């Protein structure tokens, strides 16, 4: 079965950085697109970043220039490097995959989420 496990969340001050990790199992990781979503209380879930099997990346406008998604295929892990964090980045962050090469839609496999809180 497909399992995605996120880690790396925590409490950080505005302007700080965190790196989230998502370890995958039960999947031929290298051939599938991966994505990071986030959801804050009372707000809609949004796709923050995605990366294809060919390492093409896309980002939400709200995080461009601050976040970087990457993947380490031998480790079957996808990362989200989060820099210059803002309070509005506070959310539960999820990784997900559709088991497709070039798109994370529809994202049918999800991790449990890791909480990111940006506060002074």
N, C-alpha and C. Protein backbone atom coordinates (compact mmCIF):
# COMPACT_ATOMS: atom_id res chain seq x y z
N UNK A 1 0.83 -1.17 0.00
CA UNK A 1 0.00 0.00 0.00
C UNK A 1 0.88 1.24 0.00
N UNK A 2 0.33 2.33 -0.51
CA UNK A 2 1.05 3.59 -0.56
C UNK A 2 0.97 4.25 0.80
N UNK A 3 2.12 4.70 1.30
CA UNK A 3 2.17 5.42 2.55
C UNK A 3 3.08 6.63 2.40
N UNK A 4 2.60 7.77 2.85
CA UNK A 4 3.36 9.01 2.83
C UNK A 4 3.42 9.54 4.25
N UNK A 5 4.61 9.83 4.73
CA UNK A 5 4.80 10.28 6.10
C UNK A 5 5.58 11.58 6.10
N UNK A 6 4.94 12.65 6.57
CA UNK A 6 5.57 13.95 6.63
C UNK A 6 6.28 14.14 7.96
N UNK A 7 7.29 14.99 7.94
CA UNK A 7 7.99 15.39 9.15
C UNK A 7 8.63 16.75 8.93
N UNK A 8 9.09 17.36 9.99
CA UNK A 8 9.83 18.60 9.90
C UNK A 8 9.08 19.85 10.29
N UNK A 9 7.80 19.73 10.57
CA UNK A 9 7.03 20.89 10.98
C UNK A 9 7.40 21.32 12.39
N UNK A 10 6.91 22.49 12.76
CA UNK A 10 7.19 23.01 14.09
C UNK A 10 6.85 24.47 14.19
N UNK A 11 7.31 25.07 15.27
CA UNK A 11 7.10 26.49 15.54
C UNK A 11 8.34 27.27 15.13
N UNK A 12 8.14 28.31 14.35
CA UNK A 12 9.25 29.12 13.87
C UNK A 12 8.84 30.58 13.87
N UNK A 13 9.80 31.46 14.07
CA UNK A 13 9.53 32.89 14.06
C UNK A 13 9.41 33.42 12.64
N UNK A 14 8.68 34.50 12.45
CA UNK A 14 8.63 35.12 11.12
C UNK A 14 10.03 35.39 10.59
N UNK A 15 10.22 35.09 9.31
CA UNK A 15 11.52 35.23 8.69
C UNK A 15 12.39 34.00 8.79
N UNK A 16 11.97 33.04 9.57
CA UNK A 16 12.73 31.82 9.75
C UNK A 16 12.50 30.82 8.65
N UNK A 17 13.11 29.64 8.81
CA UNK A 17 13.06 28.59 7.80
C UNK A 17 12.75 27.25 8.41
N UNK A 18 12.12 26.40 7.63
CA UNK A 18 11.90 25.01 7.96
C UNK A 18 12.04 24.18 6.69
N UNK A 19 12.42 22.93 6.86
CA UNK A 19 12.42 22.00 5.75
C UNK A 19 11.52 20.83 6.09
N UNK A 20 10.48 20.66 5.31
CA UNK A 20 9.58 19.54 5.48
C UNK A 20 10.04 18.37 4.62
N UNK A 21 9.84 17.17 5.14
CA UNK A 21 10.18 15.96 4.42
C UNK A 21 8.97 15.06 4.31
N UNK A 22 8.88 14.33 3.22
CA UNK A 22 7.82 13.36 3.02
C UNK A 22 8.45 12.08 2.51
N UNK A 23 8.41 11.05 3.32
CA UNK A 23 8.98 9.76 2.96
C UNK A 23 7.88 8.86 2.42
N UNK A 24 8.13 8.28 1.25
CA UNK A 24 7.14 7.46 0.57
C UNK A 24 7.52 5.99 0.62
N UNK A 25 6.51 5.15 0.65
CA UNK A 25 6.70 3.71 0.54
C UNK A 25 5.52 3.12 -0.22
N UNK A 26 5.71 1.91 -0.74
CA UNK A 26 4.65 1.27 -1.50
C UNK A 26 4.40 1.91 -2.85
N UNK A 27 5.41 2.56 -3.40
CA UNK A 27 5.26 3.29 -4.65
C UNK A 27 6.59 3.27 -5.41
N UNK A 28 6.50 3.22 -6.74
CA UNK A 28 7.70 3.43 -7.54
C UNK A 28 7.91 4.94 -7.60
N UNK A 29 8.55 5.45 -6.59
CA UNK A 29 8.58 6.87 -6.31
C UNK A 29 9.08 7.70 -7.48
N UNK A 30 10.13 7.25 -8.14
CA UNK A 30 10.82 8.08 -9.12
C UNK A 30 9.98 8.45 -10.33
N UNK A 31 8.91 7.73 -10.61
CA UNK A 31 8.14 7.98 -11.83
C UNK A 31 6.85 8.76 -11.57
N UNK A 32 6.62 9.19 -10.35
CA UNK A 32 5.37 9.86 -10.03
C UNK A 32 5.58 11.29 -9.56
N UNK A 33 4.66 12.16 -9.97
CA UNK A 33 4.65 13.53 -9.49
C UNK A 33 4.25 13.57 -8.02
N UNK A 34 4.80 14.53 -7.29
CA UNK A 34 4.51 14.71 -5.88
C UNK A 34 4.13 16.16 -5.63
N UNK A 35 3.37 16.39 -4.59
CA UNK A 35 2.97 17.74 -4.27
C UNK A 35 2.89 17.98 -2.78
N UNK A 36 2.96 19.25 -2.42
CA UNK A 36 2.72 19.71 -1.06
C UNK A 36 1.49 20.61 -1.05
N UNK A 37 0.56 20.29 -0.18
CA UNK A 37 -0.63 21.09 0.06
C UNK A 37 -0.57 21.66 1.47
N UNK A 38 -1.38 22.69 1.70
CA UNK A 38 -1.54 23.18 3.06
C UNK A 38 -2.98 23.62 3.28
N UNK A 39 -3.39 23.56 4.54
CA UNK A 39 -4.72 24.01 4.91
C UNK A 39 -4.66 24.64 6.29
N UNK A 40 -5.11 25.87 6.36
CA UNK A 40 -5.21 26.60 7.61
C UNK A 40 -6.65 26.57 8.09
N UNK A 41 -6.88 26.68 9.40
CA UNK A 41 -8.25 26.68 9.91
C UNK A 41 -9.11 27.75 9.25
N UNK A 42 -10.27 27.35 8.77
CA UNK A 42 -11.18 28.28 8.14
C UNK A 42 -10.83 28.68 6.73
N UNK A 43 -9.78 28.10 6.18
CA UNK A 43 -9.36 28.43 4.83
C UNK A 43 -9.38 27.20 3.93
N UNK A 44 -9.41 27.43 2.63
CA UNK A 44 -9.42 26.35 1.67
C UNK A 44 -8.05 25.70 1.57
N UNK A 45 -8.06 24.40 1.29
CA UNK A 45 -6.81 23.72 1.03
C UNK A 45 -6.23 24.21 -0.29
N UNK A 46 -4.94 24.43 -0.32
CA UNK A 46 -4.30 24.89 -1.54
C UNK A 46 -3.05 24.06 -1.84
N UNK A 47 -2.79 23.93 -3.12
CA UNK A 47 -1.56 23.28 -3.57
C UNK A 47 -0.44 24.30 -3.51
N UNK A 48 0.55 24.03 -2.69
CA UNK A 48 1.65 24.95 -2.50
C UNK A 48 2.72 24.77 -3.57
N UNK A 49 3.07 23.53 -3.85
CA UNK A 49 4.15 23.23 -4.79
C UNK A 49 3.99 21.82 -5.30
N UNK A 50 4.50 21.58 -6.50
CA UNK A 50 4.49 20.25 -7.07
C UNK A 50 5.76 20.03 -7.87
N UNK A 51 6.09 18.75 -8.04
CA UNK A 51 7.27 18.39 -8.81
C UNK A 51 6.95 17.11 -9.58
N UNK A 52 7.28 17.10 -10.87
CA UNK A 52 7.01 15.94 -11.71
C UNK A 52 8.16 14.95 -11.63
N UNK A 53 7.96 13.82 -12.31
CA UNK A 53 9.03 12.83 -12.39
C UNK A 53 10.27 13.39 -13.07
N UNK A 54 10.07 14.34 -13.99
CA UNK A 54 11.17 15.00 -14.67
C UNK A 54 11.70 16.22 -13.93
N UNK A 55 11.21 16.45 -12.73
CA UNK A 55 11.65 17.53 -11.85
C UNK A 55 11.23 18.91 -12.33
N UNK A 56 10.16 18.98 -13.12
CA UNK A 56 9.52 20.24 -13.40
C UNK A 56 8.74 20.67 -12.16
N UNK A 57 8.90 21.91 -11.75
CA UNK A 57 8.27 22.40 -10.52
C UNK A 57 7.28 23.51 -10.79
N UNK A 58 6.28 23.60 -9.93
CA UNK A 58 5.31 24.68 -9.95
C UNK A 58 5.05 25.12 -8.52
N UNK A 59 4.73 26.41 -8.37
CA UNK A 59 4.50 26.98 -7.05
C UNK A 59 3.28 27.88 -7.05
N UNK A 60 2.60 27.90 -5.93
CA UNK A 60 1.56 28.89 -5.73
C UNK A 60 2.19 30.28 -5.69
N UNK A 61 1.46 31.26 -6.18
CA UNK A 61 1.99 32.62 -6.21
C UNK A 61 2.40 33.11 -4.82
N UNK A 62 1.69 32.65 -3.81
CA UNK A 62 1.95 33.12 -2.46
C UNK A 62 3.29 32.67 -1.90
N UNK A 63 3.90 31.65 -2.51
CA UNK A 63 5.16 31.13 -1.97
C UNK A 63 6.31 31.22 -2.95
N UNK A 64 6.08 31.70 -4.16
CA UNK A 64 7.15 31.80 -5.15
C UNK A 64 8.30 32.66 -4.62
N UNK A 65 9.50 32.16 -4.82
CA UNK A 65 10.67 32.87 -4.35
C UNK A 65 11.04 32.57 -2.92
N UNK A 66 10.16 31.90 -2.19
CA UNK A 66 10.42 31.59 -0.79
C UNK A 66 10.52 30.09 -0.52
N UNK A 67 9.71 29.31 -1.23
CA UNK A 67 9.68 27.86 -1.03
C UNK A 67 10.32 27.15 -2.22
N UNK A 68 10.93 26.01 -1.95
CA UNK A 68 11.52 25.18 -2.99
C UNK A 68 11.16 23.73 -2.74
N UNK A 69 10.59 23.09 -3.75
CA UNK A 69 10.30 21.67 -3.68
C UNK A 69 11.39 20.90 -4.40
N UNK A 70 11.77 19.77 -3.85
CA UNK A 70 12.80 18.93 -4.46
C UNK A 70 12.52 17.48 -4.12
N UNK A 71 13.22 16.59 -4.81
CA UNK A 71 13.02 15.17 -4.53
C UNK A 71 14.34 14.44 -4.58
N UNK A 72 14.42 13.41 -3.76
CA UNK A 72 15.57 12.52 -3.70
C UNK A 72 15.04 11.13 -3.99
N UNK A 73 15.17 10.72 -5.24
CA UNK A 73 14.53 9.47 -5.65
C UNK A 73 15.11 8.23 -4.96
N UNK A 74 16.43 8.11 -4.80
CA UNK A 74 16.93 6.93 -4.08
C UNK A 74 16.39 6.83 -2.66
N UNK A 75 16.16 7.96 -2.00
CA UNK A 75 15.61 7.95 -0.65
C UNK A 75 14.09 7.94 -0.64
N UNK A 76 13.47 8.06 -1.81
CA UNK A 76 12.02 8.09 -1.93
C UNK A 76 11.43 9.17 -1.03
N UNK A 77 12.02 10.35 -1.11
CA UNK A 77 11.64 11.46 -0.25
C UNK A 77 11.47 12.74 -1.07
N UNK A 78 10.44 13.49 -0.77
CA UNK A 78 10.24 14.81 -1.34
C UNK A 78 10.34 15.84 -0.22
N UNK A 79 10.95 16.98 -0.53
CA UNK A 79 11.21 18.01 0.46
C UNK A 79 10.50 19.30 0.08
N UNK A 80 10.21 20.09 1.08
CA UNK A 80 9.76 21.46 0.88
C UNK A 80 10.60 22.36 1.77
N UNK A 81 11.52 23.08 1.15
CA UNK A 81 12.32 24.06 1.87
C UNK A 81 11.53 25.36 1.94
N UNK A 82 11.30 25.83 3.15
CA UNK A 82 10.46 26.99 3.39
C UNK A 82 11.31 28.09 4.03
N UNK A 83 11.53 29.16 3.29
CA UNK A 83 12.32 30.28 3.77
C UNK A 83 11.46 31.53 3.90
N UNK A 84 11.96 32.50 4.63
CA UNK A 84 11.27 33.78 4.82
C UNK A 84 9.81 33.56 5.22
N UNK A 85 9.62 32.72 6.20
CA UNK A 85 8.27 32.33 6.59
C UNK A 85 7.50 33.50 7.19
N UNK A 86 6.21 33.50 6.90
CA UNK A 86 5.29 34.53 7.35
C UNK A 86 4.20 33.89 8.20
N UNK A 87 3.55 34.68 9.06
CA UNK A 87 2.43 34.12 9.83
C UNK A 87 1.35 33.50 8.96
N UNK A 88 1.14 34.04 7.76
CA UNK A 88 0.13 33.48 6.86
C UNK A 88 0.50 32.10 6.33
N UNK A 89 1.74 31.69 6.53
CA UNK A 89 2.15 30.34 6.14
C UNK A 89 1.72 29.30 7.15
N UNK A 90 1.22 29.72 8.29
CA UNK A 90 0.77 28.79 9.32
C UNK A 90 -0.34 27.91 8.78
N UNK A 91 -0.14 26.60 8.84
CA UNK A 91 -1.10 25.65 8.30
C UNK A 91 -0.64 24.24 8.60
N UNK A 92 -1.53 23.30 8.33
CA UNK A 92 -1.17 21.90 8.32
C UNK A 92 -0.74 21.56 6.89
N UNK A 93 0.47 21.05 6.76
CA UNK A 93 1.04 20.76 5.45
C UNK A 93 0.98 19.27 5.16
N UNK A 94 0.53 18.93 3.97
CA UNK A 94 0.39 17.56 3.53
C UNK A 94 1.20 17.31 2.27
N UNK A 95 1.78 16.14 2.14
CA UNK A 95 2.28 15.73 0.85
C UNK A 95 1.30 14.75 0.22
N UNK A 96 1.33 14.67 -1.10
CA UNK A 96 0.36 13.86 -1.81
C UNK A 96 0.89 13.47 -3.18
N UNK A 97 0.28 12.44 -3.74
CA UNK A 97 0.60 12.02 -5.09
C UNK A 97 -0.64 11.45 -5.76
N UNK A 98 -0.66 11.54 -7.08
CA UNK A 98 -1.74 10.97 -7.87
C UNK A 98 -1.35 9.66 -8.53
N UNK A 99 -0.11 9.24 -8.38
CA UNK A 99 0.47 8.12 -9.11
C UNK A 99 0.53 8.39 -10.61
N UNK A 100 0.66 9.65 -10.98
CA UNK A 100 0.86 10.07 -12.36
C UNK A 100 2.23 10.73 -12.50
N UNK A 101 2.73 10.74 -13.72
CA UNK A 101 4.08 11.26 -13.95
C UNK A 101 4.17 12.77 -13.87
N UNK A 102 3.19 13.47 -14.45
CA UNK A 102 3.35 14.88 -14.73
C UNK A 102 2.35 15.79 -14.02
N UNK A 103 1.48 15.22 -13.22
CA UNK A 103 0.52 16.04 -12.49
C UNK A 103 0.16 15.36 -11.18
N UNK A 104 -0.11 16.16 -10.17
CA UNK A 104 -0.55 15.62 -8.88
C UNK A 104 -2.06 15.51 -8.79
N UNK A 105 -2.75 15.86 -9.88
CA UNK A 105 -4.20 15.76 -9.91
C UNK A 105 -4.65 14.48 -10.59
N UNK A 106 -5.60 13.77 -10.00
CA UNK A 106 -6.14 13.98 -8.66
C UNK A 106 -5.21 13.39 -7.60
N UNK A 107 -5.04 14.10 -6.54
CA UNK A 107 -4.20 13.61 -5.45
C UNK A 107 -5.00 12.62 -4.62
N UNK A 108 -4.70 11.36 -4.78
CA UNK A 108 -5.47 10.33 -4.10
C UNK A 108 -4.74 9.68 -2.94
N UNK A 109 -3.45 9.93 -2.81
CA UNK A 109 -2.69 9.41 -1.69
C UNK A 109 -2.13 10.58 -0.90
N UNK A 110 -2.35 10.54 0.41
CA UNK A 110 -2.03 11.65 1.28
C UNK A 110 -1.27 11.20 2.51
N UNK A 111 -0.40 12.07 2.99
CA UNK A 111 0.21 11.86 4.28
C UNK A 111 -0.70 12.34 5.40
N UNK A 112 -0.23 12.19 6.63
CA UNK A 112 -1.05 12.57 7.78
C UNK A 112 -0.98 14.05 8.09
N UNK A 113 -0.01 14.74 7.54
CA UNK A 113 0.15 16.16 7.75
C UNK A 113 1.16 16.48 8.84
N UNK A 114 1.81 17.62 8.69
CA UNK A 114 2.71 18.14 9.71
C UNK A 114 2.42 19.62 9.91
N UNK A 115 2.33 20.03 11.15
CA UNK A 115 1.91 21.39 11.48
C UNK A 115 3.08 22.36 11.40
N UNK A 116 2.85 23.46 10.71
CA UNK A 116 3.79 24.57 10.66
C UNK A 116 3.12 25.79 11.28
N UNK A 117 3.75 26.34 12.29
CA UNK A 117 3.22 27.52 12.96
C UNK A 117 4.29 28.61 12.93
N UNK A 118 3.94 29.74 12.36
CA UNK A 118 4.86 30.88 12.24
C UNK A 118 4.35 31.98 13.15
N UNK A 119 5.07 32.25 14.21
CA UNK A 119 4.62 33.21 15.20
C UNK A 119 5.82 33.74 15.97
N UNK A 120 5.71 35.00 16.37
CA UNK A 120 6.74 35.60 17.19
C UNK A 120 6.45 35.44 18.67
